[in-house]
N, C-alpha and C. Protein backbone atom coordinates (compact mmCIF):
# COMPACT_ATOMS: atom_id res chain seq x y z
N MET A 1 -9.43 2.43 16.09
CA MET A 1 -8.69 1.37 15.39
C MET A 1 -8.07 1.95 14.11
N THR A 2 -7.03 1.32 13.70
CA THR A 2 -6.38 1.70 12.45
C THR A 2 -6.18 0.47 11.58
N VAL A 3 -5.88 0.73 10.34
CA VAL A 3 -5.59 -0.31 9.37
C VAL A 3 -4.07 -0.39 9.23
N SER A 4 -3.52 -1.59 9.43
CA SER A 4 -2.09 -1.80 9.25
C SER A 4 -1.84 -2.29 7.83
N ILE A 5 -0.84 -1.70 7.20
CA ILE A 5 -0.52 -2.04 5.81
C ILE A 5 0.97 -2.30 5.72
N GLU A 6 1.32 -3.36 5.00
CA GLU A 6 2.73 -3.67 4.78
C GLU A 6 2.92 -4.10 3.33
N ILE A 7 4.00 -3.61 2.73
CA ILE A 7 4.34 -3.95 1.35
C ILE A 7 5.66 -4.70 1.35
N ASP A 8 5.70 -5.86 0.71
CA ASP A 8 6.96 -6.56 0.48
C ASP A 8 7.58 -5.92 -0.76
N GLN A 9 8.35 -4.88 -0.55
CA GLN A 9 8.88 -4.11 -1.67
C GLN A 9 9.84 -4.91 -2.54
N ASP A 10 10.50 -5.91 -1.98
CA ASP A 10 11.39 -6.74 -2.79
C ASP A 10 10.61 -7.54 -3.82
N GLY A 11 9.36 -7.88 -3.51
CA GLY A 11 8.54 -8.65 -4.43
C GLY A 11 7.70 -7.81 -5.37
N CYS A 12 7.67 -6.51 -5.15
CA CYS A 12 6.87 -5.60 -5.98
C CYS A 12 7.39 -5.59 -7.42
N ILE A 13 6.47 -5.71 -8.38
CA ILE A 13 6.87 -5.70 -9.80
C ILE A 13 6.60 -4.36 -10.47
N GLN A 14 6.29 -3.33 -9.69
CA GLN A 14 6.08 -1.97 -10.16
C GLN A 14 4.98 -1.86 -11.23
N CYS A 15 3.91 -2.63 -11.07
CA CYS A 15 2.82 -2.57 -12.05
C CYS A 15 1.96 -1.32 -11.89
N GLY A 16 1.94 -0.75 -10.68
CA GLY A 16 1.22 0.49 -10.44
C GLY A 16 -0.26 0.34 -10.12
N ARG A 17 -0.76 -0.85 -10.04
CA ARG A 17 -2.20 -1.02 -9.77
C ARG A 17 -2.62 -0.43 -8.44
N CYS A 18 -1.79 -0.57 -7.42
CA CYS A 18 -2.18 -0.05 -6.11
C CYS A 18 -2.16 1.47 -6.08
N TYR A 19 -1.11 2.09 -6.62
CA TYR A 19 -1.00 3.55 -6.54
C TYR A 19 -1.64 4.30 -7.70
N ASN A 20 -1.81 3.67 -8.84
CA ASN A 20 -2.47 4.35 -9.96
C ASN A 20 -3.96 4.08 -10.03
N ASP A 21 -4.36 2.84 -9.77
CA ASP A 21 -5.73 2.43 -10.03
C ASP A 21 -6.62 2.30 -8.80
N GLU A 22 -6.12 1.68 -7.75
CA GLU A 22 -6.98 1.28 -6.64
C GLU A 22 -7.00 2.20 -5.44
N CYS A 23 -5.84 2.65 -4.99
CA CYS A 23 -5.81 3.41 -3.74
C CYS A 23 -4.65 4.41 -3.69
N PRO A 24 -4.71 5.44 -4.54
CA PRO A 24 -3.62 6.41 -4.56
C PRO A 24 -3.52 7.28 -3.32
N ASN A 25 -4.51 7.21 -2.43
CA ASN A 25 -4.43 7.97 -1.18
C ASN A 25 -3.44 7.34 -0.20
N ILE A 26 -3.31 6.02 -0.25
CA ILE A 26 -2.41 5.31 0.65
C ILE A 26 -1.10 4.94 -0.03
N PHE A 27 -1.16 4.49 -1.26
CA PHE A 27 0.01 3.98 -1.96
C PHE A 27 0.54 5.02 -2.94
N LYS A 28 1.85 5.15 -2.97
CA LYS A 28 2.52 6.10 -3.86
C LYS A 28 3.62 5.37 -4.63
N GLU A 29 3.98 5.92 -5.78
CA GLU A 29 5.06 5.36 -6.58
C GLU A 29 6.39 5.89 -6.08
N GLY A 30 7.29 4.98 -5.79
CA GLY A 30 8.64 5.37 -5.40
C GLY A 30 9.46 5.79 -6.61
N ASP A 31 10.64 6.31 -6.38
CA ASP A 31 11.51 6.78 -7.47
C ASP A 31 11.80 5.69 -8.50
N ASP A 32 11.84 4.44 -8.05
CA ASP A 32 12.13 3.33 -8.96
C ASP A 32 10.86 2.61 -9.44
N GLY A 33 9.69 3.15 -9.10
CA GLY A 33 8.43 2.54 -9.51
C GLY A 33 7.84 1.59 -8.50
N THR A 34 8.60 1.27 -7.47
CA THR A 34 8.13 0.37 -6.42
C THR A 34 7.09 1.07 -5.56
N SER A 35 6.07 0.32 -5.18
CA SER A 35 5.02 0.87 -4.32
C SER A 35 5.57 1.19 -2.94
N GLN A 36 5.05 2.27 -2.37
CA GLN A 36 5.37 2.62 -0.99
C GLN A 36 4.17 3.29 -0.34
N ILE A 37 4.19 3.34 0.97
CA ILE A 37 3.12 3.97 1.73
C ILE A 37 3.30 5.48 1.67
N ALA A 38 2.21 6.21 1.49
CA ALA A 38 2.26 7.68 1.49
C ALA A 38 2.86 8.16 2.82
N GLU A 39 3.61 9.22 2.76
CA GLU A 39 4.35 9.70 3.94
C GLU A 39 3.47 9.89 5.17
N GLN A 40 2.27 10.42 5.01
CA GLN A 40 1.43 10.70 6.18
C GLN A 40 0.94 9.43 6.88
N TYR A 41 1.07 8.28 6.24
CA TYR A 41 0.62 7.03 6.85
C TYR A 41 1.78 6.10 7.21
N ARG A 42 3.00 6.50 6.97
CA ARG A 42 4.14 5.63 7.25
C ARG A 42 4.33 5.37 8.73
N ASP A 43 4.83 4.19 9.00
CA ASP A 43 5.10 3.76 10.36
C ASP A 43 6.56 3.32 10.46
N GLY A 44 7.46 4.26 10.25
CA GLY A 44 8.89 3.98 10.37
C GLY A 44 9.60 3.66 9.07
N SER A 45 8.89 3.24 8.04
CA SER A 45 9.53 2.97 6.75
C SER A 45 8.52 3.15 5.63
N SER A 46 9.01 3.17 4.41
CA SER A 46 8.11 3.35 3.27
C SER A 46 7.30 2.09 2.98
N ALA A 47 7.63 0.98 3.64
CA ALA A 47 6.94 -0.29 3.40
C ALA A 47 5.88 -0.62 4.45
N LYS A 48 5.81 0.15 5.53
CA LYS A 48 4.85 -0.13 6.60
C LYS A 48 4.09 1.13 6.96
N GLY A 49 2.80 0.94 7.28
CA GLY A 49 2.02 2.10 7.64
C GLY A 49 0.75 1.79 8.40
N GLN A 50 0.13 2.86 8.88
CA GLN A 50 -1.14 2.80 9.61
C GLN A 50 -2.06 3.85 8.98
N ALA A 51 -3.25 3.42 8.58
CA ALA A 51 -4.21 4.33 7.97
C ALA A 51 -5.51 4.30 8.78
N PRO A 52 -6.34 5.32 8.66
CA PRO A 52 -7.62 5.33 9.38
C PRO A 52 -8.53 4.20 8.91
N ASP A 53 -9.41 3.77 9.80
CA ASP A 53 -10.34 2.67 9.50
C ASP A 53 -11.16 2.91 8.24
N ASP A 54 -11.50 4.16 7.97
CA ASP A 54 -12.35 4.43 6.80
C ASP A 54 -11.61 4.20 5.48
N MET A 55 -10.33 3.85 5.55
CA MET A 55 -9.56 3.56 4.34
C MET A 55 -9.36 2.06 4.13
N LEU A 56 -10.00 1.25 4.96
CA LEU A 56 -9.85 -0.20 4.88
C LEU A 56 -10.25 -0.74 3.50
N GLU A 57 -11.40 -0.32 3.00
CA GLU A 57 -11.87 -0.83 1.71
C GLU A 57 -10.88 -0.48 0.59
N CYS A 58 -10.39 0.73 0.60
CA CYS A 58 -9.41 1.18 -0.39
C CYS A 58 -8.14 0.31 -0.32
N ALA A 59 -7.63 0.11 0.87
CA ALA A 59 -6.41 -0.69 1.06
C ALA A 59 -6.64 -2.12 0.61
N ASN A 60 -7.80 -2.69 0.94
CA ASN A 60 -8.10 -4.06 0.52
C ASN A 60 -8.22 -4.19 -0.99
N LYS A 61 -8.80 -3.21 -1.65
CA LYS A 61 -8.90 -3.23 -3.11
C LYS A 61 -7.51 -3.26 -3.73
N ALA A 62 -6.61 -2.48 -3.19
CA ALA A 62 -5.24 -2.46 -3.70
C ALA A 62 -4.56 -3.80 -3.48
N ALA A 63 -4.73 -4.37 -2.30
CA ALA A 63 -4.13 -5.67 -2.01
C ALA A 63 -4.69 -6.75 -2.93
N ASP A 64 -5.99 -6.72 -3.16
CA ASP A 64 -6.63 -7.72 -4.03
C ASP A 64 -6.19 -7.56 -5.48
N ALA A 65 -5.92 -6.33 -5.91
CA ALA A 65 -5.53 -6.07 -7.29
C ALA A 65 -4.06 -6.39 -7.57
N CYS A 66 -3.27 -6.51 -6.53
CA CYS A 66 -1.83 -6.75 -6.69
C CYS A 66 -1.60 -8.14 -7.30
N PRO A 67 -0.99 -8.21 -8.49
CA PRO A 67 -0.80 -9.50 -9.15
C PRO A 67 0.22 -10.42 -8.48
N VAL A 68 1.05 -9.85 -7.62
CA VAL A 68 2.07 -10.68 -6.94
C VAL A 68 1.82 -10.75 -5.42
N THR A 69 0.67 -10.29 -5.00
CA THR A 69 0.21 -10.35 -3.59
C THR A 69 1.28 -9.96 -2.57
N VAL A 70 1.86 -8.78 -2.76
CA VAL A 70 2.88 -8.29 -1.82
C VAL A 70 2.34 -7.29 -0.80
N ILE A 71 1.03 -7.02 -0.84
CA ILE A 71 0.43 -6.07 0.09
C ILE A 71 -0.38 -6.83 1.12
N THR A 72 -0.09 -6.58 2.40
CA THR A 72 -0.81 -7.19 3.50
C THR A 72 -1.57 -6.10 4.26
N VAL A 73 -2.86 -6.34 4.46
CA VAL A 73 -3.71 -5.38 5.16
C VAL A 73 -4.36 -6.10 6.34
N SER A 74 -4.32 -5.46 7.52
CA SER A 74 -4.96 -6.06 8.70
C SER A 74 -5.47 -4.95 9.61
N GLN A 75 -6.41 -5.33 10.49
CA GLN A 75 -6.94 -4.37 11.46
C GLN A 75 -6.51 -4.77 12.85
């Protein structure tokens, strides 16, 4: 199984909590400060990805920390 992650990049306020504080292994800062999925986990775009199951807790922490709730995590 894998963890599916999606970022609503249009709603991202570039606060950096996901990529600086909670889960820098999955989330990276884009050129404009917008969150994106790290290249090795991307699934066709910088806003969608698949990560290993052992990264579920990390991804959920980032989603929970997002002040504008633009990160969706599912299994």
